[in-house]
């Protein structure tokens, strides 16, 4: 059994702004990770046996927008704003439903 029900990794990679691949942190990933972490705690979903929000280095999908991966489900998402993060938290993390419109 896993220590967490779901473990969420936000790519917070930082590249030189001149790099054509871009980087997730340059698209607000750290702020979104902090927001998700705060929401999960506020909703009482954080901790052992529940949900863990973490920062990751490069997940090598930065070209697809800022990305996040949810384990053990191995579901990859991109997002634009807090509304997208709210939807991932509510649908996937709370109810186990994949948010297809954000899936990469």
C-alpha atoms as a PDB file:
ATOM      1  CA  UNK A   1       0.000   0.000   0.000  1.00  0.00           C
ATOM      2  CA  UNK A   2       1.219   3.477  -0.858  1.00  0.00           C
ATOM      3  CA  UNK A   3       1.924   6.003   1.899  1.00  0.00           C
ATOM      4  CA  UNK A   4      -0.240   8.553   0.054  1.00  0.00           C
ATOM      5  CA  UNK A   5      -3.455   7.862  -1.806  1.00  0.00           C
ATOM      6  CA  UNK A   6      -2.266  10.277  -4.480  1.00  0.00           C
ATOM      7  CA  UNK A   7       1.084  12.008  -4.901  1.00  0.00           C
ATOM      8  CA  UNK A   8       1.027  15.084  -7.137  1.00  0.00           C
ATOM      9  CA  UNK A   9       4.200  16.480  -8.709  1.00  0.00           C
ATOM     10  CA  UNK A  10       4.319  19.967 -10.219  1.00  0.00           C
ATOM     11  CA  UNK A  11       7.151  20.530 -12.682  1.00  0.00           C
ATOM     12  CA  UNK A  12       8.898  23.652 -11.408  1.00  0.00           C
ATOM     13  CA  UNK A  13      11.828  23.495 -13.792  1.00  0.00           C
ATOM     14  CA  UNK A  14      13.656  26.741 -14.574  1.00  0.00           C
ATOM     15  CA  UNK A  15      15.426  27.278 -17.893  1.00  0.00           C
ATOM     16  CA  UNK A  16      17.087  30.260 -19.459  1.00  0.00           C
ATOM     17  CA  UNK A  17      14.362  32.475 -20.982  1.00  0.00           C
ATOM     18  CA  UNK A  18      16.148  32.195 -24.341  1.00  0.00           C
ATOM     19  CA  UNK A  19      15.593  28.414 -24.401  1.00  0.00           C
ATOM     20  CA  UNK A  20      12.915  27.746 -27.029  1.00  0.00           C
ATOM     21  CA  UNK A  21      11.499  24.829 -25.013  1.00  0.00           C
ATOM     22  CA  UNK A  22      10.365  27.195 -22.288  1.00  0.00           C
ATOM     23  CA  UNK A  23       9.958  26.060 -18.721  1.00  0.00           C
ATOM     24  CA  UNK A  24       7.110  25.322 -16.381  1.00  0.00           C
ATOM     25  CA  UNK A  25       8.273  27.680 -13.645  1.00  0.00           C
ATOM     26  CA  UNK A  26       8.312  30.543 -16.146  1.00  0.00           C
ATOM     27  CA  UNK A  27       4.597  29.828 -16.651  1.00  0.00           C
ATOM     28  CA  UNK A  28       3.753  30.178 -12.958  1.00  0.00           C
ATOM     29  CA  UNK A  29       4.253  26.576 -11.807  1.00  0.00           C
ATOM     30  CA  UNK A  30       5.670  27.389  -8.364  1.00  0.00           C
ATOM     31  CA  UNK A  31       2.762  29.681  -7.557  1.00  0.00           C
ATOM     32  CA  UNK A  32       0.279  27.044  -8.753  1.00  0.00           C
ATOM     33  CA  UNK A  33       2.004  24.381  -6.661  1.00  0.00           C
ATOM     34  CA  UNK A  34       1.743  26.615  -3.609  1.00  0.00           C
ATOM     35  CA  UNK A  35      -1.920  27.273  -4.391  1.00  0.00           C
ATOM     36  CA  UNK A  36      -2.692  23.550  -4.810  1.00  0.00           C
ATOM     37  CA  UNK A  37      -0.849  22.699  -1.597  1.00  0.00           C
ATOM     38  CA  UNK A  38      -2.820  25.338   0.289  1.00  0.00           C
ATOM     39  CA  UNK A  39      -6.155  24.157  -1.148  1.00  0.00           C
ATOM     40  CA  UNK A  40      -5.494  20.505  -0.358  1.00  0.00           C
ATOM     41  CA  UNK A  41      -4.579  21.397   3.239  1.00  0.00           C
ATOM     42  CA  UNK A  42      -7.595  23.681   3.617  1.00  0.00           C
ATOM     43  CA  UNK A  43      -9.902  20.920   2.353  1.00  0.00           C
ATOM     44  CA  UNK A  44      -8.457  18.444   4.861  1.00  0.00           C
ATOM     45  CA  UNK A  45      -7.095  16.257   2.079  1.00  0.00           C
ATOM     46  CA  UNK A  46      -3.384  16.501   2.996  1.00  0.00           C
ATOM     47  CA  UNK A  47      -1.315  14.011   4.944  1.00  0.00           C
ATOM     48  CA  UNK A  48      -0.552  10.347   5.289  1.00  0.00           C
ATOM     49  CA  UNK A  49      -3.055   8.162   3.478  1.00  0.00           C
ATOM     50  CA  UNK A  50      -4.379  11.195   1.636  1.00  0.00           C
ATOM     51  CA  UNK A  51      -2.809  13.625  -0.866  1.00  0.00           C
ATOM     52  CA  UNK A  52       0.703  15.043  -1.069  1.00  0.00           C
ATOM     53  CA  UNK A  53       1.579  18.008  -3.325  1.00  0.00           C
ATOM     54  CA  UNK A  54       5.254  18.228  -4.289  1.00  0.00           C
ATOM     55  CA  UNK A  55       7.620  20.176  -6.482  1.00  0.00           C
ATOM     56  CA  UNK A  56       9.606  18.315  -9.100  1.00  0.00           C
ATOM     57  CA  UNK A  57      12.513  19.262 -11.266  1.00  0.00           C
ATOM     58  CA  UNK A  58      12.122  18.882 -15.001  1.00  0.00           C
ATOM     59  CA  UNK A  59       9.482  16.313 -15.932  1.00  0.00           C
ATOM     60  CA  UNK A  60      10.535  16.753 -19.596  1.00  0.00           C
ATOM     61  CA  UNK A  61       7.141  17.872 -20.915  1.00  0.00           C
ATOM     62  CA  UNK A  62       7.555  21.639 -20.571  1.00  0.00           C
ATOM     63  CA  UNK A  63       6.717  22.182 -24.250  1.00  0.00           C
ATOM     64  CA  UNK A  64       3.158  21.039 -23.505  1.00  0.00           C
ATOM     65  CA  UNK A  65       2.584  23.858 -21.050  1.00  0.00           C
ATOM     66  CA  UNK A  66       3.105  23.790 -17.323  1.00  0.00           C
ATOM     67  CA  UNK A  67       2.606  20.186 -16.280  1.00  0.00           C
ATOM     68  CA  UNK A  68       1.640  18.135 -13.284  1.00  0.00           C
ATOM     69  CA  UNK A  69       1.502  14.369 -12.834  1.00  0.00           C
ATOM     70  CA  UNK A  70      -0.681  12.469 -10.381  1.00  0.00           C
ATOM     71  CA  UNK A  71       0.590   9.129  -9.040  1.00  0.00           C
ATOM     72  CA  UNK A  72      -0.130   6.280  -8.665  1.00  0.00           C
ATOM     73  CA  UNK A  73      -2.618   7.027 -11.470  1.00  0.00           C
ATOM     74  CA  UNK A  74       0.144   8.209 -13.856  1.00  0.00           C
ATOM     75  CA  UNK A  75      -2.143  10.930 -15.215  1.00  0.00           C
ATOM     76  CA  UNK A  76      -0.480  14.016 -16.716  1.00  0.00           C
ATOM     77  CA  UNK A  77      -2.168  17.412 -16.833  1.00  0.00           C
ATOM     78  CA  UNK A  78      -1.495  20.877 -18.089  1.00  0.00           C
ATOM     79  CA  UNK A  79      -3.229  23.926 -16.644  1.00  0.00           C
ATOM     80  CA  UNK A  80      -3.682  27.627 -17.257  1.00  0.00           C
ATOM     81  CA  UNK A  81      -5.074  29.107 -14.056  1.00  0.00           C
ATOM     82  CA  UNK A  82      -6.380  28.432 -10.553  1.00  0.00           C
ATOM     83  CA  UNK A  83      -9.702  27.295 -11.979  1.00  0.00           C
ATOM     84  CA  UNK A  84      -7.910  24.411 -13.712  1.00  0.00           C
ATOM     85  CA  UNK A  85      -6.127  23.492 -10.476  1.00  0.00           C
ATOM     86  CA  UNK A  86      -9.437  23.643  -8.589  1.00  0.00           C
ATOM     87  CA  UNK A  87     -10.955  21.270 -11.147  1.00  0.00           C
ATOM     88  CA  UNK A  88      -8.070  18.788 -10.836  1.00  0.00           C
ATOM     89  CA  UNK A  89      -8.351  18.863  -7.039  1.00  0.00           C
ATOM     90  CA  UNK A  90     -12.126  18.446  -6.982  1.00  0.00           C
ATOM     91  CA  UNK A  91     -12.550  15.935  -9.796  1.00  0.00           C
ATOM     92  CA  UNK A  92      -9.382  13.841  -9.647  1.00  0.00           C
ATOM     93  CA  UNK A  93      -7.970  14.156  -6.157  1.00  0.00           C
ATOM     94  CA  UNK A  94     -11.295  14.192  -4.321  1.00  0.00           C
ATOM     95  CA  UNK A  95     -13.469  11.991  -6.551  1.00  0.00           C
ATOM     96  CA  UNK A  96     -11.013   9.969  -8.678  1.00  0.00           C
ATOM     97  CA  UNK A  97     -12.348  11.284 -12.015  1.00  0.00           C
ATOM     98  CA  UNK A  98      -9.769  12.240 -14.637  1.00  0.00           C
ATOM     99  CA  UNK A  99     -10.166  15.740 -16.083  1.00  0.00           C
ATOM    100  CA  UNK A 100      -9.907  14.824 -19.765  1.00  0.00           C
ATOM    101  CA  UNK A 101      -9.864  18.403 -21.069  1.00  0.00           C
ATOM    102  CA  UNK A 102      -6.602  19.075 -19.165  1.00  0.00           C
ATOM    103  CA  UNK A 103      -4.958  15.693 -19.773  1.00  0.00           C
ATOM    104  CA  UNK A 104      -1.736  15.547 -21.788  1.00  0.00           C
END
